[in-house]
């Protein structure tokens, strides 16, 4: 499995298993199946409500901790600096781990009354405590990144996890990430299933002799992004994993690039300000 070296000197597997929208009770068997299939990178979040299930799956796998890469993310109601510190302890308790490999601010929430700069300072404290080996952000636009990185002595995020798929290629933001030395992670890499019936992708898949899912995931990998598709069955888990063996030629890459419509599926980070009322 290919590794990406982050700006803090740590390495992250380029291909992983996503757990968004997998309920806690289902996360346990899905994580076990993913680890049995060969995945070593698991992505979860406080907001997903499945850290306990993910942790049970990790424990049941019996795989040594130093062979696994685990990411979780700060929930939107935990942006206050004291809540950042407390919430990582809560996450570690649910996951059954002593540390996570990567801890991300899930959303910048520029419209709430807590400045994400203060939240980021608390994230730096978490890294200093050893409870997260690396820290980063998710869904941050270029202007959000500029505010964080322009301060003297600021820690540059290791990762920016953003929506990326053939219909929303995010080339400008990916370039901004790269200029700052920030790795791009792609969420919803299959456009929440919208790619499967695209005639152009079906045509490429037919010529390559692989499923559409593998073709699209190979496009992400050849662009250099970190990707972690979700799957809800052992067969689909294995199918996605095998995308790492697919190699697309320049013409296929260009054809997929041409599908970009700048069409976002998820919320716009510039305006998204949803904060849950529970304590997760």
C-alpha atoms as a PDB file:
ATOM      1  CA  UNK A   1       0.000   0.000   0.000  1.00  0.00           C
ATOM      2  CA  UNK A   2       1.354   3.414  -0.988  1.00  0.00           C
ATOM      3  CA  UNK A   3       2.246   5.826   1.811  1.00  0.00           C
ATOM      4  CA  UNK A   4       2.071   9.634   1.725  1.00  0.00           C
ATOM      5  CA  UNK A   5       4.613  11.520   3.833  1.00  0.00           C
ATOM      6  CA  UNK A   6       2.950  14.392   5.683  1.00  0.00           C
ATOM      7  CA  UNK A   7       4.552  17.750   6.485  1.00  0.00           C
ATOM      8  CA  UNK A   8       5.233  16.677  10.087  1.00  0.00           C
ATOM      9  CA  UNK A   9       7.329  13.720   8.949  1.00  0.00           C
ATOM     10  CA  UNK A  10       4.717  11.036   9.645  1.00  0.00           C
ATOM     11  CA  UNK A  11       3.307   8.770   6.939  1.00  0.00           C
ATOM     12  CA  UNK A  12      -0.304   7.936   6.104  1.00  0.00           C
ATOM     13  CA  UNK A  13      -1.578   5.067   3.916  1.00  0.00           C
ATOM     14  CA  UNK A  14      -2.926   6.637   0.739  1.00  0.00           C
ATOM     15  CA  UNK A  15      -5.878   4.229   0.635  1.00  0.00           C
ATOM     16  CA  UNK A  16      -8.211   3.708   3.570  1.00  0.00           C
ATOM     17  CA  UNK A  17     -11.655   2.679   4.745  1.00  0.00           C
ATOM     18  CA  UNK A  18     -14.298   5.334   5.415  1.00  0.00           C
ATOM     19  CA  UNK A  19     -17.047   4.881   7.989  1.00  0.00           C
ATOM     20  CA  UNK A  20     -19.353   7.846   7.345  1.00  0.00           C
ATOM     21  CA  UNK A  21     -23.048   6.836   7.572  1.00  0.00           C
ATOM     22  CA  UNK A  22     -22.175   3.426   9.034  1.00  0.00           C
ATOM     23  CA  UNK A  23     -24.115   3.035  12.316  1.00  0.00           C
ATOM     24  CA  UNK A  24     -22.152   2.120  15.413  1.00  0.00           C
ATOM     25  CA  UNK A  25     -23.448  -1.451  15.573  1.00  0.00           C
ATOM     26  CA  UNK A  26     -22.514  -2.023  11.927  1.00  0.00           C
ATOM     27  CA  UNK A  27     -19.138  -0.285  12.151  1.00  0.00           C
ATOM     28  CA  UNK A  28     -17.750  -3.170  14.206  1.00  0.00           C
ATOM     29  CA  UNK A  29     -18.192  -5.913  11.547  1.00  0.00           C
ATOM     30  CA  UNK A  30     -17.391  -3.578   8.653  1.00  0.00           C
ATOM     31  CA  UNK A  31     -14.064  -2.552  10.208  1.00  0.00           C
ATOM     32  CA  UNK A  32     -13.219  -6.206  10.899  1.00  0.00           C
ATOM     33  CA  UNK A  33     -13.969  -7.042   7.260  1.00  0.00           C
ATOM     34  CA  UNK A  34     -11.919  -4.093   5.999  1.00  0.00           C
ATOM     35  CA  UNK A  35      -8.900  -5.030   8.093  1.00  0.00           C
ATOM     36  CA  UNK A  36      -9.202  -8.663   6.965  1.00  0.00           C
ATOM     37  CA  UNK A  37      -9.229  -7.424   3.348  1.00  0.00           C
ATOM     38  CA  UNK A  38      -5.941  -5.598   3.905  1.00  0.00           C
ATOM     39  CA  UNK A  39      -6.930  -2.053   4.848  1.00  0.00           C
ATOM     40  CA  UNK A  40      -4.739  -0.452   7.502  1.00  0.00           C
ATOM     41  CA  UNK A  41      -6.182   3.078   7.467  1.00  0.00           C
ATOM     42  CA  UNK A  42      -9.567   3.708   9.145  1.00  0.00           C
ATOM     43  CA  UNK A  43     -11.368   7.081   9.037  1.00  0.00           C
ATOM     44  CA  UNK A  44     -14.077   7.947  11.571  1.00  0.00           C
ATOM     45  CA  UNK A  45     -15.348  11.045  13.397  1.00  0.00           C
ATOM     46  CA  UNK A  46     -17.056  12.084  16.602  1.00  0.00           C
ATOM     47  CA  UNK A  47     -19.957  13.291  14.465  1.00  0.00           C
ATOM     48  CA  UNK A  48     -20.435   9.839  12.911  1.00  0.00           C
ATOM     49  CA  UNK A  49     -21.424   8.353  16.258  1.00  0.00           C
ATOM     50  CA  UNK A  50     -19.575   5.113  15.486  1.00  0.00           C
ATOM     51  CA  UNK A  51     -16.213   5.445  17.234  1.00  0.00           C
ATOM     52  CA  UNK A  52     -17.157   2.679  19.698  1.00  0.00           C
ATOM     53  CA  UNK A  53     -17.990   0.284  16.880  1.00  0.00           C
ATOM     54  CA  UNK A  54     -14.810   1.198  15.056  1.00  0.00           C
ATOM     55  CA  UNK A  55     -12.845   0.566  18.237  1.00  0.00           C
ATOM     56  CA  UNK A  56     -14.441  -2.836  18.743  1.00  0.00           C
ATOM     57  CA  UNK A  57     -13.546  -3.772  15.188  1.00  0.00           C
ATOM     58  CA  UNK A  58      -9.939  -2.696  15.686  1.00  0.00           C
ATOM     59  CA  UNK A  59      -9.698  -4.659  18.924  1.00  0.00           C
ATOM     60  CA  UNK A  60     -11.205  -7.799  17.400  1.00  0.00           C
ATOM     61  CA  UNK A  61      -8.804  -7.683  14.438  1.00  0.00           C
ATOM     62  CA  UNK A  62      -5.821  -8.395  16.674  1.00  0.00           C
ATOM     63  CA  UNK A  63      -3.632  -6.256  14.392  1.00  0.00           C
ATOM     64  CA  UNK A  64      -0.763  -4.510  16.162  1.00  0.00           C
ATOM     65  CA  UNK A  65      -1.428  -0.813  16.845  1.00  0.00           C
ATOM     66  CA  UNK A  66       1.694   0.300  15.008  1.00  0.00           C
ATOM     67  CA  UNK A  67       0.348  -1.321  11.838  1.00  0.00           C
ATOM     68  CA  UNK A  68      -2.848   0.754  11.879  1.00  0.00           C
ATOM     69  CA  UNK A  69      -3.616   4.368  10.995  1.00  0.00           C
ATOM     70  CA  UNK A  70      -6.705   5.793  12.683  1.00  0.00           C
ATOM     71  CA  UNK A  71      -8.293   9.190  12.050  1.00  0.00           C
ATOM     72  CA  UNK A  72     -11.084  10.876  13.970  1.00  0.00           C
ATOM     73  CA  UNK A  73     -12.509  14.386  13.792  1.00  0.00           C
ATOM     74  CA  UNK A  74     -13.663  17.075  16.200  1.00  0.00           C
ATOM     75  CA  UNK A  75     -17.426  17.474  16.355  1.00  0.00           C
ATOM     76  CA  UNK A  76     -18.934  20.886  15.668  1.00  0.00           C
ATOM     77  CA  UNK A  77     -20.093  21.316  19.280  1.00  0.00           C
ATOM     78  CA  UNK A  78     -16.567  20.809  20.608  1.00  0.00           C
ATOM     79  CA  UNK A  79     -14.845  23.870  19.109  1.00  0.00           C
ATOM     80  CA  UNK A  80     -14.343  25.634  22.441  1.00  0.00           C
ATOM     81  CA  UNK A  81     -10.697  25.041  23.419  1.00  0.00           C
ATOM     82  CA  UNK A  82     -11.545  23.227  26.643  1.00  0.00           C
ATOM     83  CA  UNK A  83     -13.936  20.958  24.750  1.00  0.00           C
ATOM     84  CA  UNK A  84     -11.225  20.123  22.187  1.00  0.00           C
ATOM     85  CA  UNK A  85      -9.035  18.756  24.976  1.00  0.00           C
ATOM     86  CA  UNK A  86     -11.879  16.880  26.673  1.00  0.00           C
ATOM     87  CA  UNK A  87     -13.307  15.483  23.460  1.00  0.00           C
ATOM     88  CA  UNK A  88     -10.105  13.761  22.348  1.00  0.00           C
ATOM     89  CA  UNK A  89     -10.131  11.888  25.656  1.00  0.00           C
ATOM     90  CA  UNK A  90     -13.745  10.891  24.976  1.00  0.00           C
ATOM     91  CA  UNK A  91     -12.825   9.700  21.481  1.00  0.00           C
ATOM     92  CA  UNK A  92      -9.882   7.667  22.724  1.00  0.00           C
ATOM     93  CA  UNK A  93     -12.110   6.062  25.346  1.00  0.00           C
ATOM     94  CA  UNK A  94     -14.698   5.090  22.731  1.00  0.00           C
ATOM     95  CA  UNK A  95     -12.025   3.842  20.316  1.00  0.00           C
ATOM     96  CA  UNK A  96     -10.145   1.957  23.022  1.00  0.00           C
ATOM     97  CA  UNK A  97      -6.877   3.589  21.942  1.00  0.00           C
ATOM     98  CA  UNK A  98      -4.111   5.539  23.636  1.00  0.00           C
ATOM     99  CA  UNK A  99      -3.764   7.897  20.671  1.00  0.00           C
ATOM    100  CA  UNK A 100      -5.078   8.542  17.183  1.00  0.00           C
ATOM    101  CA  UNK A 101      -2.770   8.992  14.244  1.00  0.00           C
ATOM    102  CA  UNK A 102      -4.692  11.990  12.903  1.00  0.00           C
ATOM    103  CA  UNK A 103      -7.156  14.393  14.549  1.00  0.00           C
ATOM    104  CA  UNK A 104      -9.013  16.883  12.358  1.00  0.00           C
ATOM    105  CA  UNK A 105     -11.242  19.915  12.895  1.00  0.00           C
ATOM    106  CA  UNK A 106     -14.288  18.593  11.035  1.00  0.00           C
ATOM    107  CA  UNK A 107     -15.658  21.967   9.812  1.00  0.00           C
ATOM    108  CA  UNK A 108     -14.351  25.549  10.132  1.00  0.00           C
ATOM    109  CA  UNK A 109     -17.783  26.957  11.171  1.00  0.00           C
ATOM    110  CA  UNK A 110     -16.840  30.568  10.389  1.00  0.00           C
ATOM    111  CA  UNK A 111     -20.321  31.765  11.363  1.00  0.00           C
ATOM    112  CA  UNK A 112     -20.293  30.661  15.005  1.00  0.00           C
ATOM    113  CA  UNK A 113     -18.972  32.676  17.945  1.00  0.00           C
ATOM    114  CA  UNK A 114     -15.865  30.513  18.470  1.00  0.00           C
ATOM    115  CA  UNK A 115     -12.940  31.404  16.230  1.00  0.00           C
ATOM    116  CA  UNK A 116     -11.420  28.350  14.568  1.00  0.00           C
ATOM    117  CA  UNK A 117      -7.993  29.906  15.255  1.00  0.00           C
ATOM    118  CA  UNK A 118      -8.616  29.297  18.953  1.00  0.00           C
ATOM    119  CA  UNK A 119      -9.820  25.807  18.152  1.00  0.00           C
ATOM    120  CA  UNK A 120      -6.653  25.195  16.159  1.00  0.00           C
ATOM    121  CA  UNK A 121      -4.475  26.323  19.086  1.00  0.00           C
ATOM    122  CA  UNK A 122      -6.171  23.676  21.219  1.00  0.00           C
ATOM    123  CA  UNK A 123      -5.545  21.090  18.492  1.00  0.00           C
ATOM    124  CA  UNK A 124      -1.845  21.966  18.721  1.00  0.00           C
ATOM    125  CA  UNK A 125      -2.032  21.234  22.444  1.00  0.00           C
ATOM    126  CA  UNK A 126      -3.572  17.839  21.685  1.00  0.00           C
ATOM    127  CA  UNK A 127      -0.676  17.014  19.395  1.00  0.00           C
ATOM    128  CA  UNK A 128       1.771  18.130  22.045  1.00  0.00           C
ATOM    129  CA  UNK A 129       0.145  15.770  24.542  1.00  0.00           C
ATOM    130  CA  UNK A 130       0.775  12.782  22.255  1.00  0.00           C
ATOM    131  CA  UNK A 131      -2.926  11.947  22.049  1.00  0.00           C
ATOM    132  CA  UNK A 132      -2.800  12.686  18.309  1.00  0.00           C
ATOM    133  CA  UNK A 133       0.347  12.089  16.278  1.00  0.00           C
ATOM    134  CA  UNK A 134      -0.770  14.515  13.574  1.00  0.00           C
ATOM    135  CA  UNK A 135      -3.404  17.247  13.374  1.00  0.00           C
ATOM    136  CA  UNK A 136      -5.215  18.734  10.436  1.00  0.00           C
ATOM    137  CA  UNK A 137      -8.457  20.160   9.176  1.00  0.00           C
ATOM    138  CA  UNK A 138     -11.430  19.117   7.117  1.00  0.00           C
ATOM    139  CA  UNK A 139     -13.581  21.194   4.763  1.00  0.00           C
ATOM    140  CA  UNK A 140     -11.335  24.248   5.073  1.00  0.00           C
ATOM    141  CA  UNK A 141     -11.324  26.606   2.101  1.00  0.00           C
ATOM    142  CA  UNK A 142      -8.213  28.469   0.973  1.00  0.00           C
ATOM    143  CA  UNK A 143      -9.091  31.588   2.984  1.00  0.00           C
ATOM    144  CA  UNK A 144      -9.542  29.516   6.139  1.00  0.00           C
ATOM    145  CA  UNK A 145      -6.132  27.936   5.590  1.00  0.00           C
ATOM    146  CA  UNK A 146      -4.584  31.354   5.000  1.00  0.00           C
ATOM    147  CA  UNK A 147      -5.797  32.594   8.401  1.00  0.00           C
ATOM    148  CA  UNK A 148      -4.270  29.584  10.150  1.00  0.00           C
ATOM    149  CA  UNK A 149      -0.941  29.455   8.339  1.00  0.00           C
ATOM    150  CA  UNK A 150      -0.191  33.182   8.081  1.00  0.00           C
ATOM    151  CA  UNK A 151       0.355  33.658  11.811  1.00  0.00           C
ATOM    152  CA  UNK A 152       4.035  33.642  12.877  1.00  0.00           C
ATOM    153  CA  UNK A 153       5.077  30.271  14.234  1.00  0.00           C
ATOM    154  CA  UNK A 154       1.762  28.615  13.429  1.00  0.00           C
ATOM    155  CA  UNK A 155       1.584  24.859  12.900  1.00  0.00           C
ATOM    156  CA  UNK A 156       0.546  24.064   9.330  1.00  0.00           C
ATOM    157  CA  UNK A 157      -2.205  21.405   9.147  1.00  0.00           C
ATOM    158  CA  UNK A 158      -0.893  18.050   7.953  1.00  0.00           C
ATOM    159  CA  UNK A 159      -4.081  17.284   6.018  1.00  0.00           C
ATOM    160  CA  UNK A 160      -7.142  19.017   4.601  1.00  0.00           C
ATOM    161  CA  UNK A 161      -9.961  16.509   4.091  1.00  0.00           C
ATOM    162  CA  UNK A 162     -12.351  17.925   1.478  1.00  0.00           C
ATOM    163  CA  UNK A 163     -15.108  16.873  -0.896  1.00  0.00           C
ATOM    164  CA  UNK A 164     -13.492  15.650  -4.129  1.00  0.00           C
ATOM    165  CA  UNK A 165     -14.974  13.533  -6.921  1.00  0.00           C
ATOM    166  CA  UNK A 166     -15.114  13.668 -10.728  1.00  0.00           C
ATOM    167  CA  UNK A 167     -17.929  16.257 -10.675  1.00  0.00           C
ATOM    168  CA  UNK A 168     -16.182  18.451  -8.101  1.00  0.00           C
ATOM    169  CA  UNK A 169     -12.461  18.093  -8.749  1.00  0.00           C
ATOM    170  CA  UNK A 170     -11.439  20.957  -6.425  1.00  0.00           C
ATOM    171  CA  UNK A 171      -8.320  21.705  -8.454  1.00  0.00           C
ATOM    172  CA  UNK A 172      -7.823  25.221  -7.058  1.00  0.00           C
ATOM    173  CA  UNK A 173      -8.129  24.128  -3.435  1.00  0.00           C
ATOM    174  CA  UNK A 174      -5.933  21.078  -4.017  1.00  0.00           C
ATOM    175  CA  UNK A 175      -3.307  23.422  -5.462  1.00  0.00           C
ATOM    176  CA  UNK A 176      -3.625  25.744  -2.450  1.00  0.00           C
ATOM    177  CA  UNK A 177      -3.165  22.744  -0.159  1.00  0.00           C
ATOM    178  CA  UNK A 178      -0.075  21.636  -2.057  1.00  0.00           C
ATOM    179  CA  UNK A 179       1.516  25.091  -1.951  1.00  0.00           C
ATOM    180  CA  UNK A 180       1.242  25.027   1.846  1.00  0.00           C
ATOM    181  CA  UNK A 181       2.539  21.461   2.070  1.00  0.00           C
ATOM    182  CA  UNK A 182      -0.874  20.160   3.143  1.00  0.00           C
ATOM    183  CA  UNK A 183      -1.960  16.739   1.885  1.00  0.00           C
ATOM    184  CA  UNK A 184      -5.412  16.489   0.295  1.00  0.00           C
ATOM    185  CA  UNK A 185      -7.825  13.804   1.445  1.00  0.00           C
ATOM    186  CA  UNK A 186     -10.911  13.188  -0.687  1.00  0.00           C
ATOM    187  CA  UNK A 187     -14.267  12.502   0.957  1.00  0.00           C
ATOM    188  CA  UNK A 188     -17.262  11.228  -1.042  1.00  0.00           C
ATOM    189  CA  UNK A 189     -14.762  10.077  -3.698  1.00  0.00           C
ATOM    190  CA  UNK A 190     -17.516   8.232  -5.593  1.00  0.00           C
ATOM    191  CA  UNK A 191     -19.890  11.224  -5.442  1.00  0.00           C
ATOM    192  CA  UNK A 192     -22.168   9.272  -3.104  1.00  0.00           C
ATOM    193  CA  UNK A 193     -22.821   6.710  -5.832  1.00  0.00           C
ATOM    194  CA  UNK A 194     -23.567   9.174  -8.617  1.00  0.00           C
ATOM    195  CA  UNK A 195     -20.589   7.963 -10.663  1.00  0.00           C
ATOM    196  CA  UNK A 196     -21.886   4.440 -11.186  1.00  0.00           C
ATOM    197  CA  UNK A 197     -24.270   5.201 -14.059  1.00  0.00           C
ATOM    198  CA  UNK A 198     -22.198   7.882 -15.768  1.00  0.00           C
ATOM    199  CA  UNK A 199     -21.890   6.727 -19.401  1.00  0.00           C
ATOM    200  CA  UNK A 200     -18.380   8.097 -19.833  1.00  0.00           C
ATOM    201  CA  UNK A 201     -17.161   6.315 -16.722  1.00  0.00           C
ATOM    202  CA  UNK A 202     -18.991   3.132 -17.740  1.00  0.00           C
ATOM    203  CA  UNK A 203     -17.197   3.300 -21.093  1.00  0.00           C
ATOM    204  CA  UNK A 204     -13.774   3.686 -19.467  1.00  0.00           C
ATOM    205  CA  UNK A 205     -14.549   0.873 -17.052  1.00  0.00           C
ATOM    206  CA  UNK A 206     -15.498  -1.396 -19.942  1.00  0.00           C
ATOM    207  CA  UNK A 207     -12.252  -0.696 -21.782  1.00  0.00           C
ATOM    208  CA  UNK A 208     -10.139  -1.104 -18.639  1.00  0.00           C
ATOM    209  CA  UNK A 209     -12.041  -4.217 -17.608  1.00  0.00           C
ATOM    210  CA  UNK A 210     -12.690  -2.985 -14.070  1.00  0.00           C
ATOM    211  CA  UNK A 211     -15.766  -1.703 -12.187  1.00  0.00           C
ATOM    212  CA  UNK A 212     -16.571   2.010 -12.305  1.00  0.00           C
ATOM    213  CA  UNK A 213     -15.765   2.308  -8.610  1.00  0.00           C
ATOM    214  CA  UNK A 214     -12.214   1.079  -9.159  1.00  0.00           C
ATOM    215  CA  UNK A 215     -11.715   3.389 -12.136  1.00  0.00           C
ATOM    216  CA  UNK A 216     -12.783   6.466 -10.144  1.00  0.00           C
ATOM    217  CA  UNK A 217     -10.735   5.494  -7.095  1.00  0.00           C
ATOM    218  CA  UNK A 218      -7.705   4.919  -9.331  1.00  0.00           C
ATOM    219  CA  UNK A 219      -8.204   8.444 -10.721  1.00  0.00           C
ATOM    220  CA  UNK A 220      -8.026   9.825  -7.174  1.00  0.00           C
ATOM    221  CA  UNK A 221      -4.918   7.800  -6.376  1.00  0.00           C
ATOM    222  CA  UNK A 222      -3.098   8.805  -9.563  1.00  0.00           C
ATOM    223  CA  UNK A 223      -3.835  12.461  -8.764  1.00  0.00           C
ATOM    224  CA  UNK A 224      -1.957  11.909  -5.502  1.00  0.00           C
ATOM    225  CA  UNK A 225      -4.858  12.349  -3.083  1.00  0.00           C
ATOM    226  CA  UNK A 226      -5.551  10.211  -0.025  1.00  0.00           C
ATOM    227  CA  UNK A 227      -8.854   8.386  -0.422  1.00  0.00           C
ATOM    228  CA  UNK A 228     -11.029   6.248   1.869  1.00  0.00           C
ATOM    229  CA  UNK A 229     -14.268   5.009   0.299  1.00  0.00           C
ATOM    230  CA  UNK A 230     -17.080   3.641   2.438  1.00  0.00           C
ATOM    231  CA  UNK A 231     -18.493   0.184   1.722  1.00  0.00           C
ATOM    232  CA  UNK A 232     -21.260  -1.790   3.379  1.00  0.00           C
ATOM    233  CA  UNK A 233     -20.526  -5.359   2.287  1.00  0.00           C
ATOM    234  CA  UNK A 234     -17.430  -7.599   2.224  1.00  0.00           C
ATOM    235  CA  UNK A 235     -17.612  -7.813  -1.577  1.00  0.00           C
ATOM    236  CA  UNK A 236     -17.668  -4.038  -2.040  1.00  0.00           C
ATOM    237  CA  UNK A 237     -14.952  -3.581   0.587  1.00  0.00           C
ATOM    238  CA  UNK A 238     -12.703  -5.930  -1.408  1.00  0.00           C
ATOM    239  CA  UNK A 239     -13.712  -4.390  -4.736  1.00  0.00           C
ATOM    240  CA  UNK A 240     -12.720  -0.920  -3.573  1.00  0.00           C
ATOM    241  CA  UNK A 241      -9.444  -2.177  -2.111  1.00  0.00           C
ATOM    242  CA  UNK A 242      -8.466  -3.689  -5.464  1.00  0.00           C
ATOM    243  CA  UNK A 243      -8.608  -0.231  -7.078  1.00  0.00           C
ATOM    244  CA  UNK A 244      -4.999   0.155  -5.986  1.00  0.00           C
ATOM    245  CA  UNK A 245      -3.976  -2.199  -8.807  1.00  0.00           C
ATOM    246  CA  UNK A 246      -5.684  -0.166 -11.544  1.00  0.00           C
ATOM    247  CA  UNK A 247      -3.565   2.062 -13.776  1.00  0.00           C
ATOM    248  CA  UNK A 248      -5.292   4.551 -16.049  1.00  0.00           C
ATOM    249  CA  UNK A 249      -3.625   6.006 -19.117  1.00  0.00           C
ATOM    250  CA  UNK A 250      -3.384   9.724 -19.808  1.00  0.00           C
ATOM    251  CA  UNK A 251      -6.441   9.711 -22.073  1.00  0.00           C
ATOM    252  CA  UNK A 252      -8.608   8.104 -19.396  1.00  0.00           C
ATOM    253  CA  UNK A 253      -7.376  10.552 -16.759  1.00  0.00           C
ATOM    254  CA  UNK A 254      -8.163  13.456 -19.095  1.00  0.00           C
ATOM    255  CA  UNK A 255     -11.650  12.083 -19.805  1.00  0.00           C
ATOM    256  CA  UNK A 256     -12.431  11.883 -16.100  1.00  0.00           C
ATOM    257  CA  UNK A 257     -10.939  15.340 -15.530  1.00  0.00           C
ATOM    258  CA  UNK A 258     -13.365  16.652 -18.160  1.00  0.00           C
ATOM    259  CA  UNK A 259     -16.350  15.569 -16.043  1.00  0.00           C
ATOM    260  CA  UNK A 260     -15.690  18.367 -13.541  1.00  0.00           C
ATOM    261  CA  UNK A 261     -18.778  20.593 -13.214  1.00  0.00           C
ATOM    262  CA  UNK A 262     -17.749  22.360 -10.004  1.00  0.00           C
ATOM    263  CA  UNK A 263     -20.809  20.627  -8.539  1.00  0.00           C
ATOM    264  CA  UNK A 264     -20.750  20.266  -4.806  1.00  0.00           C
ATOM    265  CA  UNK A 265     -22.828  17.539  -3.122  1.00  0.00           C
ATOM    266  CA  UNK A 266     -22.142  18.390   0.521  1.00  0.00           C
ATOM    267  CA  UNK A 267     -22.477  21.691   2.426  1.00  0.00           C
ATOM    268  CA  UNK A 268     -20.479  24.789   1.529  1.00  0.00           C
ATOM    269  CA  UNK A 269     -17.795  25.337   4.226  1.00  0.00           C
ATOM    270  CA  UNK A 270     -18.082  29.100   3.720  1.00  0.00           C
ATOM    271  CA  UNK A 271     -21.613  29.105   5.154  1.00  0.00           C
ATOM    272  CA  UNK A 272     -22.117  25.791   6.968  1.00  0.00           C
ATOM    273  CA  UNK A 273     -22.701  26.468  10.667  1.00  0.00           C
ATOM    274  CA  UNK A 274     -24.652  23.440  11.972  1.00  0.00           C
ATOM    275  CA  UNK A 275     -23.850  22.602  15.587  1.00  0.00           C
ATOM    276  CA  UNK A 276     -25.448  19.522  17.217  1.00  0.00           C
ATOM    277  CA  UNK A 277     -27.195  19.907  20.544  1.00  0.00           C
ATOM    278  CA  UNK A 278     -26.053  16.586  22.023  1.00  0.00           C
ATOM    279  CA  UNK A 279     -22.737  15.921  23.732  1.00  0.00           C
ATOM    280  CA  UNK A 280     -21.084  13.618  21.195  1.00  0.00           C
END
